[in-house]
C-alpha atoms as a PDB file:
ATOM      1  CA  MET A   1     -24.792 -37.106 -30.896  1.00  0.00           C
ATOM      2  CA  SER A   2     -24.642 -40.826 -31.953  1.00  0.00           C
ATOM      3  CA  THR A   3     -22.051 -42.759 -31.205  1.00  0.00           C
ATOM      4  CA  SER A   4     -21.116 -43.621 -34.808  1.00  0.00           C
ATOM      5  CA  GLU A   5     -20.915 -40.109 -35.439  1.00  0.00           C
ATOM      6  CA  SER A   6     -18.761 -39.058 -31.886  1.00  0.00           C
ATOM      7  CA  ASN A   7     -16.201 -41.758 -33.601  1.00  0.00           C
ATOM      8  CA  THR A   8     -16.276 -39.694 -36.666  1.00  0.00           C
ATOM      9  CA  HIS A   9     -14.715 -36.557 -35.282  1.00  0.00           C
ATOM     10  CA  PRO A  10     -11.445 -36.407 -33.131  1.00  0.00           C
ATOM     11  CA  ALA A  11     -11.457 -35.785 -29.793  1.00  0.00           C
ATOM     12  CA  VAL A  12     -10.107 -32.509 -28.367  1.00  0.00           C
ATOM     13  CA  ASP A  13      -9.776 -31.788 -24.436  1.00  0.00           C
ATOM     14  CA  LEU A  14      -9.492 -28.402 -23.842  1.00  0.00           C
ATOM     15  CA  VAL A  15      -8.182 -26.536 -20.436  1.00  0.00           C
ATOM     16  CA  ILE A  16      -9.374 -22.945 -19.937  1.00  0.00           C
ATOM     17  CA  VAL A  17      -7.451 -21.436 -16.643  1.00  0.00           C
ATOM     18  CA  ILE A  18      -8.387 -18.312 -15.304  1.00  0.00           C
ATOM     19  CA  ASP A  19      -6.820 -16.050 -12.732  1.00  0.00           C
ATOM     20  CA  THR A  20      -9.495 -16.078 -10.609  1.00  0.00           C
ATOM     21  CA  SER A  21      -7.956 -13.122  -7.876  1.00  0.00           C
ATOM     22  CA  ALA A  22      -9.201  -9.841  -6.452  1.00  0.00           C
ATOM     23  CA  SER A  23      -7.445  -8.060  -8.543  1.00  0.00           C
ATOM     24  CA  MET A  24      -8.466  -9.826 -11.785  1.00  0.00           C
ATOM     25  CA  GLU A  25     -12.623  -9.551 -10.813  1.00  0.00           C
ATOM     26  CA  ASP A  26     -13.278  -7.059 -13.448  1.00  0.00           C
ATOM     27  CA  GLU A  27     -11.732  -8.722 -16.437  1.00  0.00           C
ATOM     28  CA  ALA A  28     -12.534 -12.327 -15.271  1.00  0.00           C
ATOM     29  CA  VAL A  29     -16.275 -12.266 -16.513  1.00  0.00           C
ATOM     30  CA  GLY A  30     -15.308 -10.383 -19.448  1.00  0.00           C
ATOM     31  CA  LEU A  31     -12.201 -12.799 -20.499  1.00  0.00           C
ATOM     32  CA  SER A  32     -14.954 -15.752 -19.174  1.00  0.00           C
ATOM     33  CA  GLN A  33     -17.530 -15.160 -21.684  1.00  0.00           C
ATOM     34  CA  ALA A  34     -15.272 -14.291 -24.675  1.00  0.00           C
ATOM     35  CA  ALA A  35     -13.349 -17.745 -23.772  1.00  0.00           C
ATOM     36  CA  GLU A  36     -17.313 -19.400 -24.307  1.00  0.00           C
ATOM     37  CA  ALA A  37     -18.188 -17.689 -26.895  1.00  0.00           C
ATOM     38  CA  ALA A  38     -14.294 -18.933 -29.020  1.00  0.00           C
ATOM     39  CA  ILE A  39     -15.823 -22.374 -27.851  1.00  0.00           C
ATOM     40  CA  GLU A  40     -19.228 -22.078 -29.753  1.00  0.00           C
ATOM     41  CA  ALA A  41     -17.731 -20.564 -32.581  1.00  0.00           C
ATOM     42  CA  ALA A  42     -14.945 -23.259 -32.319  1.00  0.00           C
ATOM     43  CA  ARG A  43     -17.646 -26.148 -32.262  1.00  0.00           C
ATOM     44  CA  ALA A  44     -19.731 -24.415 -34.683  1.00  0.00           C
ATOM     45  CA  SER A  45     -16.819 -24.407 -37.361  1.00  0.00           C
ATOM     46  CA  CYS A  46     -14.819 -27.375 -36.508  1.00  0.00           C
ATOM     47  CA  PRO A  47     -16.286 -30.363 -35.559  1.00  0.00           C
ATOM     48  CA  SER A  48     -15.148 -32.476 -32.938  1.00  0.00           C
ATOM     49  CA  ASP A  49     -15.639 -34.102 -29.585  1.00  0.00           C
ATOM     50  CA  LEU A  50     -14.536 -31.620 -27.646  1.00  0.00           C
ATOM     51  CA  HIS A  51     -14.083 -31.493 -23.890  1.00  0.00           C
ATOM     52  CA  VAL A  52     -13.469 -28.684 -21.889  1.00  0.00           C
ATOM     53  CA  GLU A  53     -12.763 -27.862 -18.491  1.00  0.00           C
ATOM     54  CA  TRP A  54     -12.872 -24.106 -16.591  1.00  0.00           C
ATOM     55  CA  PHE A  55     -10.131 -23.791 -13.107  1.00  0.00           C
ATOM     56  CA  GLY A  56      -9.495 -20.392 -11.828  1.00  0.00           C
ATOM     57  CA  CYS A  57      -6.429 -20.015  -9.970  1.00  0.00           C
ATOM     58  CA  GLU A  58      -5.708 -17.122  -8.009  1.00  0.00           C
ATOM     59  CA  GLY A  59      -2.370 -16.003  -6.138  1.00  0.00           C
ATOM     60  CA  THR A  60       1.196 -15.109  -6.884  1.00  0.00           C
ATOM     61  CA  TRP A  61       4.040 -16.618  -6.847  1.00  0.00           C
ATOM     62  CA  ARG A  62       7.240 -14.833  -6.106  1.00  0.00           C
ATOM     63  CA  ASN A  63      10.141 -14.711  -8.356  1.00  0.00           C
ATOM     64  CA  ASN A  64       7.957 -16.024 -11.248  1.00  0.00           C
ATOM     65  CA  ASP A  65       8.311 -19.129  -9.491  1.00  0.00           C
ATOM     66  CA  ASP A  66       6.089 -22.285 -11.402  1.00  0.00           C
ATOM     67  CA  ALA A  67       4.763 -23.509  -8.948  1.00  0.00           C
ATOM     68  CA  GLY A  68       1.500 -22.683 -10.109  1.00  0.00           C
ATOM     69  CA  ASP A  69       2.211 -23.993 -13.501  1.00  0.00           C
ATOM     70  CA  ARG A  70       3.329 -27.198 -11.738  1.00  0.00           C
ATOM     71  CA  LYS A  71       0.102 -27.487 -10.152  1.00  0.00           C
ATOM     72  CA  ARG A  72      -2.179 -27.352 -13.374  1.00  0.00           C
ATOM     73  CA  ARG A  73      -0.118 -29.284 -14.646  1.00  0.00           C
ATOM     74  CA  ARG A  74      -0.303 -31.928 -12.350  1.00  0.00           C
ATOM     75  CA  LEU A  75      -4.290 -31.255 -12.069  1.00  0.00           C
ATOM     76  CA  VAL A  76      -4.813 -31.232 -16.063  1.00  0.00           C
ATOM     77  CA  GLN A  77      -2.175 -35.077 -15.660  1.00  0.00           C
ATOM     78  CA  GLU A  78      -4.875 -36.902 -12.437  1.00  0.00           C
ATOM     79  CA  THR A  79      -8.446 -35.728 -13.894  1.00  0.00           C
ATOM     80  CA  GLY A  80      -7.129 -36.844 -18.100  1.00  0.00           C
END
């Protein structure tokens, strides 16, 4: 894509977070494939300067503690 073409499309950042814990092992591959298919469909039907970041998270947080959410939010903010 040329510089002039990239300037005409909006910049879109997409962050995908997938649970990679052992209990999700069977589902993780299917979720990854479905997400990839959705990304390709979006690229085909919604022209944009799309940047995709994939993250895996593992673990549980007692009492619905949002520590994992805070960590992911900080990571996304730091990577810009």
